[in-house]
Protein backbone atom coordinates (compact mmCIF):
# COMPACT_ATOMS: atom_id res chain seq x y z
CA UNK A 1 161.99 22.27 96.30
CA UNK A 2 163.44 20.95 99.20
CA UNK A 3 162.83 18.12 101.40
CA UNK A 4 160.90 20.16 104.63
CA UNK A 5 159.15 21.64 101.83
CA UNK A 6 157.81 18.71 101.24
CA UNK A 7 157.35 17.67 104.71
CA UNK A 8 154.00 17.21 105.79
CA UNK A 9 153.45 19.65 109.11
CA UNK A 10 150.70 20.54 111.66
CA UNK A 11 148.34 22.96 111.84
CA UNK A 12 145.49 22.55 114.44
CA UNK A 13 144.54 19.70 116.52
CA UNK A 14 141.65 19.00 117.24
CA UNK A 15 139.69 16.94 119.90
CA UNK A 16 137.43 15.32 117.81
CA UNK A 17 137.65 14.02 114.57
CA UNK A 18 134.36 15.97 113.72
CA UNK A 19 135.82 19.43 114.07
CA UNK A 20 139.29 18.18 112.50
CA UNK A 21 137.31 17.30 109.59
CA UNK A 22 135.80 20.51 108.84
CA UNK A 23 138.97 22.41 108.64
CA UNK A 24 139.81 19.18 105.89
CA UNK A 25 137.42 19.68 103.99
CA UNK A 26 137.68 23.80 104.38
CA UNK A 27 141.37 23.16 103.39
CA UNK A 28 140.85 20.79 100.29
CA UNK A 29 138.43 23.52 98.54
CA UNK A 30 140.60 25.65 98.74
CA UNK A 31 142.63 24.06 97.41
CA UNK A 32 145.62 22.82 100.35
CA UNK A 33 146.10 19.60 100.59
CA UNK A 34 145.91 18.80 104.04
CA UNK A 35 145.02 14.99 105.76
CA UNK A 36 143.99 14.02 108.94
CA UNK A 37 146.08 11.83 111.64
CA UNK A 38 145.13 10.50 114.71
CA UNK A 39 141.28 9.51 114.42
CA UNK A 40 142.07 6.11 116.56
CA UNK A 41 143.74 7.82 119.67
CA UNK A 42 141.33 10.94 120.12
CA UNK A 43 138.31 9.24 122.12
CA UNK A 44 140.86 7.88 124.22
CA UNK A 45 141.64 9.09 128.02
CA UNK A 46 144.27 7.97 129.15
CA UNK A 47 147.24 9.93 131.43
CA UNK A 48 146.32 12.38 128.36
CA UNK A 49 144.18 13.01 126.09
CA UNK A 50 144.57 12.87 122.48
CA UNK A 51 143.83 15.15 119.94
CA UNK A 52 143.44 14.75 115.76
CA UNK A 53 145.64 16.46 113.55
CA UNK A 54 145.15 18.66 110.41
CA UNK A 55 148.92 18.80 108.67
CA UNK A 56 149.53 19.99 105.92
CA UNK A 57 152.82 19.60 102.86
CA UNK A 58 154.94 22.20 104.06
CA UNK A 59 154.82 24.17 101.21
CA UNK A 60 151.46 24.88 101.62
CA UNK A 61 151.72 25.81 105.85
CA UNK A 62 151.89 29.62 105.19
CA UNK A 63 149.05 29.61 103.22
CA UNK A 64 146.68 27.44 105.71
CA UNK A 65 147.68 28.70 108.60
CA UNK A 66 146.93 32.97 106.86
CA UNK A 67 142.86 30.53 106.31
CA UNK A 68 143.01 29.15 109.66
CA UNK A 69 143.36 32.63 111.08
CA UNK A 70 140.48 34.04 108.28
CA UNK A 71 137.98 31.94 109.51
CA UNK A 72 139.06 32.07 113.07
CA UNK A 73 138.22 36.04 112.79
CA UNK A 74 134.87 35.95 110.86
CA UNK A 75 133.85 33.23 113.18
CA UNK A 76 134.87 36.23 116.02
CA UNK A 77 133.07 39.22 114.17
CA UNK A 78 129.67 36.67 113.66
CA UNK A 79 130.35 35.61 117.23
CA UNK A 80 130.01 40.28 118.26
CA UNK A 81 127.28 40.48 115.91
CA UNK A 82 125.09 38.03 117.43
CA UNK A 83 125.58 39.09 120.89
CA UNK A 84 124.66 42.70 120.11
CA UNK A 85 121.30 41.55 118.52
CA UNK A 86 120.20 39.70 121.83
């Protein structure tokens, strides 16, 4: 395995630690090792707001992104169904 394959890559950026932890936990439950980075700076507001990153080893990037896209699509479909019921 090459070094780049093991380097951590960012698969998501979130305005709060809570949102990042939800994503991290979802990835971990799917067997994808994930970590949250930047939680200490997310609440500070300077010239630009901080973000909390969810990172995975490079070898899991494609799998993680695919899972996140599927999750987003499911949430959007659920939102569409709820709108139709109203």
